[in-house]
Amino acid sequence: MPDDEFCEVEVRGVGHDAANRVVVVLKDPYDRELPISIGHCEALAIVQRMSDDFDPPRPLTQDLLLTLFRRLGGSLRSLRIDDLWEMVYYSKLSVEQEGKLIDIDCRPSDGIALALAAGVPIYVADRVMEEGTHPGEEEE
């Protein structure tokens, strides 16, 4: 469980920034918005997961990973976006297995799609939220 240095965010949407890059926008309880530059495929996965009527006929990548976690005795608990270094965001999936939490490094875009598929919370480090809200500094 994240400590006081993290806050839970919601996925506000996917769009384009001023440089016409695709971004996912995260919003915290203080109305701060964090745009993170992502790829087109990841954007599609996030948009699909945000749709109320999304019902894929076959399992997608996120479904596959969630099934793997379950079959190996684990379950996804959260995504933490915990660092921003040289304009690159870093994140970790928190997976519980046999009562222990295991952190797995992942790209934020993949982690967001997976967190949405699993219905688990997304947390952002307060320092990352502060640094990342500056215009022109969002990159993955």
N, C-alpha and C. Protein backbone atom coordinates (compact mmCIF):
# COMPACT_ATOMS: atom_id res chain seq x y z
N MET A 1 0.85 -1.18 0.00
CA MET A 1 0.00 0.00 0.00
C MET A 1 0.89 1.24 0.00
N PRO A 2 0.64 2.19 -0.89
CA PRO A 2 1.46 3.39 -0.94
C PRO A 2 1.39 4.18 0.36
N ASP A 3 2.47 4.87 0.67
CA ASP A 3 2.49 5.70 1.87
C ASP A 3 2.02 7.12 1.53
N ASP A 4 2.26 8.05 2.44
CA ASP A 4 1.77 9.43 2.28
C ASP A 4 2.40 10.16 1.10
N GLU A 5 3.46 9.63 0.53
CA GLU A 5 4.12 10.29 -0.59
C GLU A 5 3.41 10.03 -1.91
N PHE A 6 2.40 9.20 -1.91
CA PHE A 6 1.66 8.85 -3.12
C PHE A 6 0.21 9.30 -2.98
N CYS A 7 -0.40 9.61 -4.12
CA CYS A 7 -1.84 9.88 -4.10
C CYS A 7 -2.48 9.08 -5.22
N GLU A 8 -3.71 8.67 -4.98
CA GLU A 8 -4.44 7.92 -5.98
C GLU A 8 -4.90 8.87 -7.08
N VAL A 9 -4.82 8.42 -8.31
CA VAL A 9 -5.24 9.24 -9.45
C VAL A 9 -6.29 8.49 -10.26
N GLU A 10 -7.00 9.23 -11.07
CA GLU A 10 -7.93 8.63 -12.01
C GLU A 10 -7.45 8.95 -13.42
N VAL A 11 -7.81 8.09 -14.34
CA VAL A 11 -7.47 8.33 -15.73
C VAL A 11 -8.53 9.28 -16.28
N ARG A 12 -8.11 10.47 -16.62
CA ARG A 12 -9.05 11.48 -17.11
C ARG A 12 -9.39 11.26 -18.58
N GLY A 13 -8.39 10.81 -19.36
CA GLY A 13 -8.63 10.57 -20.77
C GLY A 13 -7.35 10.46 -21.55
N VAL A 14 -7.52 10.30 -22.84
CA VAL A 14 -6.40 10.20 -23.78
C VAL A 14 -6.62 11.28 -24.82
N GLY A 15 -5.56 11.98 -25.19
CA GLY A 15 -5.67 13.04 -26.19
C GLY A 15 -4.30 13.37 -26.75
N HIS A 16 -4.15 14.61 -27.20
CA HIS A 16 -2.89 15.08 -27.76
C HIS A 16 -2.43 16.32 -26.99
N ASP A 17 -1.11 16.45 -26.85
CA ASP A 17 -0.57 17.64 -26.20
C ASP A 17 -0.27 18.71 -27.26
N ALA A 18 0.33 19.80 -26.85
CA ALA A 18 0.62 20.91 -27.75
C ALA A 18 1.56 20.51 -28.89
N ALA A 19 2.40 19.52 -28.66
CA ALA A 19 3.33 19.04 -29.69
C ALA A 19 2.70 17.91 -30.52
N ASN A 20 1.41 17.69 -30.35
CA ASN A 20 0.63 16.66 -31.06
C ASN A 20 1.07 15.23 -30.72
N ARG A 21 1.67 15.04 -29.53
CA ARG A 21 1.98 13.70 -29.05
C ARG A 21 0.74 13.13 -28.37
N VAL A 22 0.57 11.83 -28.45
CA VAL A 22 -0.54 11.18 -27.75
C VAL A 22 -0.19 11.12 -26.27
N VAL A 23 -1.12 11.54 -25.42
CA VAL A 23 -0.90 11.52 -23.98
C VAL A 23 -2.10 10.91 -23.27
N VAL A 24 -1.82 10.26 -22.15
CA VAL A 24 -2.86 9.87 -21.21
C VAL A 24 -2.77 10.90 -20.08
N VAL A 25 -3.93 11.37 -19.63
CA VAL A 25 -3.96 12.40 -18.59
C VAL A 25 -4.49 11.78 -17.31
N LEU A 26 -3.69 11.90 -16.25
CA LEU A 26 -4.07 11.43 -14.93
C LEU A 26 -4.42 12.63 -14.06
N LYS A 27 -5.42 12.49 -13.21
CA LYS A 27 -5.86 13.60 -12.35
C LYS A 27 -5.87 13.14 -10.91
N ASP A 28 -5.30 13.97 -10.02
CA ASP A 28 -5.27 13.62 -8.61
C ASP A 28 -6.39 14.34 -7.85
N PRO A 29 -6.57 14.06 -6.56
CA PRO A 29 -7.66 14.68 -5.80
C PRO A 29 -7.53 16.20 -5.65
N TYR A 30 -6.35 16.75 -5.96
CA TYR A 30 -6.12 18.20 -5.85
C TYR A 30 -6.29 18.88 -7.20
N ASP A 31 -6.88 18.19 -8.16
CA ASP A 31 -7.13 18.69 -9.51
C ASP A 31 -5.86 18.95 -10.32
N ARG A 32 -4.75 18.37 -9.89
CA ARG A 32 -3.54 18.45 -10.70
C ARG A 32 -3.65 17.40 -11.79
N GLU A 33 -3.22 17.75 -12.99
CA GLU A 33 -3.26 16.81 -14.10
C GLU A 33 -1.85 16.49 -14.56
N LEU A 34 -1.64 15.22 -14.81
CA LEU A 34 -0.33 14.74 -15.24
C LEU A 34 -0.48 14.10 -16.62
N PRO A 35 0.03 14.77 -17.67
CA PRO A 35 0.01 14.16 -19.00
C PRO A 35 1.28 13.32 -19.20
N ILE A 36 1.09 12.10 -19.67
CA ILE A 36 2.21 11.21 -19.95
C ILE A 36 2.13 10.80 -21.41
N SER A 37 3.20 11.04 -22.14
CA SER A 37 3.26 10.68 -23.55
C SER A 37 3.27 9.16 -23.69
N ILE A 38 2.41 8.64 -24.59
CA ILE A 38 2.30 7.20 -24.78
C ILE A 38 2.22 6.87 -26.27
N GLY A 39 2.34 5.62 -26.60
CA GLY A 39 2.23 5.17 -27.98
C GLY A 39 0.77 5.00 -28.40
N HIS A 40 0.56 4.88 -29.69
CA HIS A 40 -0.80 4.75 -30.23
C HIS A 40 -1.48 3.45 -29.78
N CYS A 41 -0.74 2.35 -29.77
CA CYS A 41 -1.33 1.07 -29.37
C CYS A 41 -1.75 1.10 -27.90
N GLU A 42 -0.90 1.68 -27.05
CA GLU A 42 -1.22 1.78 -25.64
C GLU A 42 -2.41 2.71 -25.42
N ALA A 43 -2.47 3.78 -26.22
CA ALA A 43 -3.61 4.71 -26.13
C ALA A 43 -4.91 3.99 -26.45
N LEU A 44 -4.89 3.17 -27.50
CA LEU A 44 -6.08 2.42 -27.87
C LEU A 44 -6.50 1.47 -26.75
N ALA A 45 -5.54 0.78 -26.16
CA ALA A 45 -5.86 -0.15 -25.06
C ALA A 45 -6.49 0.60 -23.89
N ILE A 46 -5.97 1.78 -23.56
CA ILE A 46 -6.51 2.56 -22.45
C ILE A 46 -7.92 3.05 -22.77
N VAL A 47 -8.11 3.59 -23.97
CA VAL A 47 -9.43 4.09 -24.37
C VAL A 47 -10.45 2.95 -24.35
N GLN A 48 -10.06 1.78 -24.86
CA GLN A 48 -10.98 0.64 -24.85
C GLN A 48 -11.37 0.27 -23.43
N ARG A 49 -10.42 0.24 -22.52
CA ARG A 49 -10.69 -0.13 -21.13
C ARG A 49 -11.55 0.91 -20.41
N MET A 50 -11.50 2.15 -20.86
CA MET A 50 -12.30 3.21 -20.25
C MET A 50 -13.75 3.17 -20.73
N SER A 51 -14.01 2.48 -21.82
CA SER A 51 -15.34 2.42 -22.40
C SER A 51 -16.25 1.50 -21.59
N ASP A 52 -17.45 1.96 -21.29
CA ASP A 52 -18.41 1.16 -20.52
C ASP A 52 -18.91 -0.05 -21.30
N ASP A 53 -18.94 0.05 -22.61
CA ASP A 53 -19.49 -1.05 -23.41
C ASP A 53 -18.41 -1.90 -24.09
N PHE A 54 -17.18 -1.82 -23.60
CA PHE A 54 -16.08 -2.58 -24.18
C PHE A 54 -16.18 -4.05 -23.77
N ASP A 55 -16.31 -4.91 -24.75
CA ASP A 55 -16.40 -6.36 -24.51
C ASP A 55 -15.70 -7.09 -25.65
N PRO A 56 -14.37 -7.26 -25.52
CA PRO A 56 -13.64 -7.89 -26.63
C PRO A 56 -14.05 -9.35 -26.83
N PRO A 57 -14.11 -9.79 -28.08
CA PRO A 57 -14.49 -11.17 -28.35
C PRO A 57 -13.42 -12.18 -27.92
N ARG A 58 -12.17 -11.74 -27.85
CA ARG A 58 -11.05 -12.58 -27.44
C ARG A 58 -10.22 -11.83 -26.42
N PRO A 59 -9.48 -12.54 -25.57
CA PRO A 59 -8.65 -11.86 -24.56
C PRO A 59 -7.59 -10.96 -25.21
N LEU A 60 -7.42 -9.79 -24.62
CA LEU A 60 -6.37 -8.87 -25.05
C LEU A 60 -5.13 -9.09 -24.19
N THR A 61 -4.08 -8.37 -24.47
CA THR A 61 -2.82 -8.54 -23.74
C THR A 61 -3.02 -8.37 -22.24
N GLN A 62 -3.82 -7.37 -21.84
CA GLN A 62 -4.05 -7.15 -20.41
C GLN A 62 -4.76 -8.35 -19.79
N ASP A 63 -5.71 -8.93 -20.51
CA ASP A 63 -6.42 -10.10 -20.01
C ASP A 63 -5.46 -11.28 -19.85
N LEU A 64 -4.57 -11.44 -20.82
CA LEU A 64 -3.59 -12.51 -20.76
C LEU A 64 -2.72 -12.37 -19.51
N LEU A 65 -2.22 -11.17 -19.26
CA LEU A 65 -1.37 -10.96 -18.09
C LEU A 65 -2.12 -11.21 -16.78
N LEU A 66 -3.36 -10.75 -16.70
CA LEU A 66 -4.14 -10.98 -15.49
C LEU A 66 -4.39 -12.48 -15.27
N THR A 67 -4.64 -13.21 -16.35
CA THR A 67 -4.82 -14.65 -16.26
C THR A 67 -3.53 -15.32 -15.80
N LEU A 68 -2.40 -14.88 -16.34
CA LEU A 68 -1.10 -15.42 -15.90
C LEU A 68 -0.89 -15.18 -14.41
N PHE A 69 -1.15 -13.96 -13.95
CA PHE A 69 -1.00 -13.67 -12.52
C PHE A 69 -1.85 -14.64 -11.69
N ARG A 70 -3.13 -14.79 -12.07
CA ARG A 70 -4.04 -15.67 -11.32
C ARG A 70 -3.57 -17.11 -11.33
N ARG A 71 -3.21 -17.60 -12.50
CA ARG A 71 -2.80 -19.01 -12.62
C ARG A 71 -1.50 -19.31 -11.86
N LEU A 72 -0.69 -18.27 -11.66
CA LEU A 72 0.55 -18.44 -10.90
C LEU A 72 0.36 -18.09 -9.42
N GLY A 73 -0.89 -17.92 -9.02
CA GLY A 73 -1.19 -17.68 -7.61
C GLY A 73 -1.05 -16.25 -7.17
N GLY A 74 -1.07 -15.32 -8.10
CA GLY A 74 -0.92 -13.91 -7.74
C GLY A 74 -2.12 -13.10 -8.16
N SER A 75 -2.15 -11.87 -7.69
CA SER A 75 -3.20 -10.94 -8.12
C SER A 75 -2.63 -9.52 -8.13
N LEU A 76 -3.04 -8.78 -9.13
CA LEU A 76 -2.58 -7.39 -9.25
C LEU A 76 -3.26 -6.55 -8.19
N ARG A 77 -2.50 -5.76 -7.46
CA ARG A 77 -3.05 -4.92 -6.39
C ARG A 77 -3.07 -3.43 -6.74
N SER A 78 -2.05 -2.96 -7.48
CA SER A 78 -2.00 -1.54 -7.81
C SER A 78 -0.91 -1.26 -8.83
N LEU A 79 -0.94 -0.05 -9.35
CA LEU A 79 0.14 0.49 -10.18
C LEU A 79 0.65 1.72 -9.47
N ARG A 80 1.97 1.85 -9.37
CA ARG A 80 2.59 3.05 -8.79
C ARG A 80 3.51 3.69 -9.82
N ILE A 81 3.23 4.92 -10.17
CA ILE A 81 4.13 5.70 -11.02
C ILE A 81 5.01 6.46 -10.03
N ASP A 82 6.28 6.02 -9.94
CA ASP A 82 7.09 6.44 -8.80
C ASP A 82 8.34 7.25 -9.13
N ASP A 83 8.59 7.48 -10.42
CA ASP A 83 9.80 8.24 -10.72
C ASP A 83 9.67 8.92 -12.08
N LEU A 84 10.39 10.02 -12.21
CA LEU A 84 10.50 10.77 -13.45
C LEU A 84 11.96 11.18 -13.54
N TRP A 85 12.66 10.64 -14.53
CA TRP A 85 14.07 10.93 -14.68
C TRP A 85 14.36 11.15 -16.16
N GLU A 86 14.98 12.27 -16.46
CA GLU A 86 15.32 12.65 -17.83
C GLU A 86 14.09 12.53 -18.75
N MET A 87 12.98 13.05 -18.26
CA MET A 87 11.71 13.12 -18.99
C MET A 87 11.10 11.73 -19.28
N VAL A 88 11.50 10.70 -18.54
CA VAL A 88 10.95 9.36 -18.68
C VAL A 88 10.28 8.98 -17.36
N TYR A 89 9.03 8.53 -17.46
CA TYR A 89 8.29 8.08 -16.28
C TYR A 89 8.58 6.61 -16.03
N TYR A 90 8.64 6.24 -14.75
CA TYR A 90 8.87 4.87 -14.34
C TYR A 90 7.74 4.43 -13.42
N SER A 91 7.37 3.16 -13.54
CA SER A 91 6.27 2.66 -12.71
C SER A 91 6.50 1.20 -12.36
N LYS A 92 5.71 0.76 -11.37
CA LYS A 92 5.78 -0.62 -10.92
C LYS A 92 4.37 -1.16 -10.68
N LEU A 93 4.17 -2.39 -11.13
CA LEU A 93 2.96 -3.12 -10.79
C LEU A 93 3.21 -3.78 -9.44
N SER A 94 2.23 -3.72 -8.56
CA SER A 94 2.33 -4.40 -7.28
C SER A 94 1.46 -5.64 -7.35
N VAL A 95 2.10 -6.81 -7.30
CA VAL A 95 1.40 -8.09 -7.41
C VAL A 95 1.54 -8.82 -6.08
N GLU A 96 0.42 -9.30 -5.57
CA GLU A 96 0.45 -10.09 -4.34
C GLU A 96 0.48 -11.57 -4.69
N GLN A 97 1.43 -12.28 -4.09
CA GLN A 97 1.53 -13.72 -4.29
C GLN A 97 1.93 -14.35 -2.96
N GLU A 98 1.13 -15.29 -2.50
CA GLU A 98 1.37 -15.98 -1.24
C GLU A 98 1.59 -15.01 -0.08
N GLY A 99 0.80 -13.96 -0.05
CA GLY A 99 0.86 -12.99 1.04
C GLY A 99 1.99 -11.99 0.95
N LYS A 100 2.78 -12.04 -0.09
CA LYS A 100 3.90 -11.10 -0.26
C LYS A 100 3.64 -10.22 -1.47
N LEU A 101 4.05 -8.95 -1.37
CA LEU A 101 3.93 -8.03 -2.50
C LEU A 101 5.22 -8.06 -3.31
N ILE A 102 5.05 -8.19 -4.60
CA ILE A 102 6.17 -8.22 -5.53
C ILE A 102 6.02 -7.03 -6.47
N ASP A 103 7.05 -6.22 -6.61
CA ASP A 103 7.03 -5.10 -7.54
C ASP A 103 7.61 -5.54 -8.88
N ILE A 104 6.89 -5.19 -9.96
CA ILE A 104 7.33 -5.52 -11.31
C ILE A 104 7.44 -4.23 -12.11
N ASP A 105 8.62 -3.95 -12.62
CA ASP A 105 8.85 -2.75 -13.42
C ASP A 105 8.03 -2.81 -14.70
N CYS A 106 7.42 -1.69 -15.07
CA CYS A 106 6.66 -1.64 -16.32
C CYS A 106 6.58 -0.21 -16.83
N ARG A 107 6.25 -0.07 -18.10
CA ARG A 107 6.00 1.27 -18.62
C ARG A 107 4.67 1.74 -18.05
N PRO A 108 4.56 3.03 -17.72
CA PRO A 108 3.29 3.53 -17.20
C PRO A 108 2.10 3.25 -18.12
N SER A 109 2.29 3.38 -19.42
CA SER A 109 1.17 3.17 -20.35
C SER A 109 0.64 1.74 -20.27
N ASP A 110 1.53 0.76 -20.23
CA ASP A 110 1.11 -0.63 -20.10
C ASP A 110 0.47 -0.87 -18.74
N GLY A 111 1.06 -0.30 -17.71
CA GLY A 111 0.53 -0.45 -16.36
C GLY A 111 -0.85 0.16 -16.21
N ILE A 112 -1.07 1.30 -16.84
CA ILE A 112 -2.38 1.95 -16.76
C ILE A 112 -3.44 1.08 -17.42
N ALA A 113 -3.15 0.56 -18.60
CA ALA A 113 -4.11 -0.32 -19.29
C ALA A 113 -4.40 -1.55 -18.44
N LEU A 114 -3.37 -2.11 -17.83
CA LEU A 114 -3.54 -3.29 -17.01
C LEU A 114 -4.33 -2.97 -15.73
N ALA A 115 -4.02 -1.85 -15.10
CA ALA A 115 -4.75 -1.44 -13.89
C ALA A 115 -6.23 -1.22 -14.20
N LEU A 116 -6.52 -0.60 -15.34
CA LEU A 116 -7.92 -0.40 -15.72
C LEU A 116 -8.61 -1.74 -15.97
N ALA A 117 -7.93 -2.66 -16.61
CA ALA A 117 -8.51 -3.98 -16.87
C ALA A 117 -8.80 -4.73 -15.58
N ALA A 118 -7.93 -4.57 -14.59
CA ALA A 118 -8.08 -5.28 -13.32
C ALA A 118 -8.95 -4.52 -12.32
N GLY A 119 -9.19 -3.24 -12.58
CA GLY A 119 -9.96 -2.43 -11.64
C GLY A 119 -9.22 -2.13 -10.35
N VAL A 120 -7.90 -1.95 -10.46
CA VAL A 120 -7.09 -1.66 -9.27
C VAL A 120 -6.65 -0.19 -9.29
N PRO A 121 -6.30 0.35 -8.13
CA PRO A 121 -5.92 1.76 -8.07
C PRO A 121 -4.59 2.07 -8.74
N ILE A 122 -4.49 3.32 -9.19
CA ILE A 122 -3.26 3.86 -9.76
C ILE A 122 -2.80 4.97 -8.84
N TYR A 123 -1.54 4.91 -8.43
CA TYR A 123 -0.96 5.91 -7.54
C TYR A 123 0.19 6.61 -8.25
N VAL A 124 0.36 7.90 -7.93
CA VAL A 124 1.49 8.66 -8.45
C VAL A 124 2.21 9.30 -7.27
N ALA A 125 3.53 9.21 -7.27
CA ALA A 125 4.33 9.86 -6.24
C ALA A 125 4.10 11.36 -6.33
N ASP A 126 3.94 12.00 -5.19
CA ASP A 126 3.67 13.44 -5.17
C ASP A 126 4.76 14.22 -5.89
N ARG A 127 6.02 13.81 -5.71
CA ARG A 127 7.14 14.49 -6.36
C ARG A 127 7.01 14.38 -7.88
N VAL A 128 6.59 13.23 -8.37
CA VAL A 128 6.41 13.01 -9.80
C VAL A 128 5.26 13.87 -10.32
N MET A 129 4.20 13.95 -9.54
CA MET A 129 3.05 14.77 -9.93
C MET A 129 3.48 16.24 -10.05
N GLU A 130 4.26 16.70 -9.10
CA GLU A 130 4.74 18.09 -9.13
C GLU A 130 5.66 18.34 -10.33
N GLU A 131 6.62 17.46 -10.54
CA GLU A 131 7.58 17.63 -11.64
C GLU A 131 6.91 17.47 -13.00
N GLY A 132 5.98 16.54 -13.10
CA GLY A 132 5.39 16.21 -14.38
C GLY A 132 4.33 17.15 -14.88
N THR A 133 3.86 18.06 -14.04
CA THR A 133 2.81 18.96 -14.48
C THR A 133 3.35 20.18 -15.21
N HIS A 134 4.67 20.29 -15.35
CA HIS A 134 5.25 21.41 -16.08
C HIS A 134 5.05 21.20 -17.58
N PRO A 135 4.58 22.21 -18.30
CA PRO A 135 4.33 22.05 -19.73
C PRO A 135 5.59 21.65 -20.49
N GLY A 136 5.41 20.74 -21.45
CA GLY A 136 6.50 20.35 -22.32
C GLY A 136 7.45 19.32 -21.75
N GLU A 137 7.20 18.81 -20.54
CA GLU A 137 8.11 17.86 -19.94
C GLU A 137 7.54 16.46 -19.84
N GLU A 138 6.45 16.19 -20.52
CA GLU A 138 5.87 14.85 -20.40
C GLU A 138 6.37 13.95 -21.52
N GLU A 139 7.05 12.90 -21.14
CA GLU A 139 7.59 11.90 -22.07
C GLU A 139 7.54 10.57 -21.36
N GLU A 140 7.41 9.52 -22.13
CA GLU A 140 7.53 8.18 -21.56
C GLU A 140 8.71 7.50 -22.19
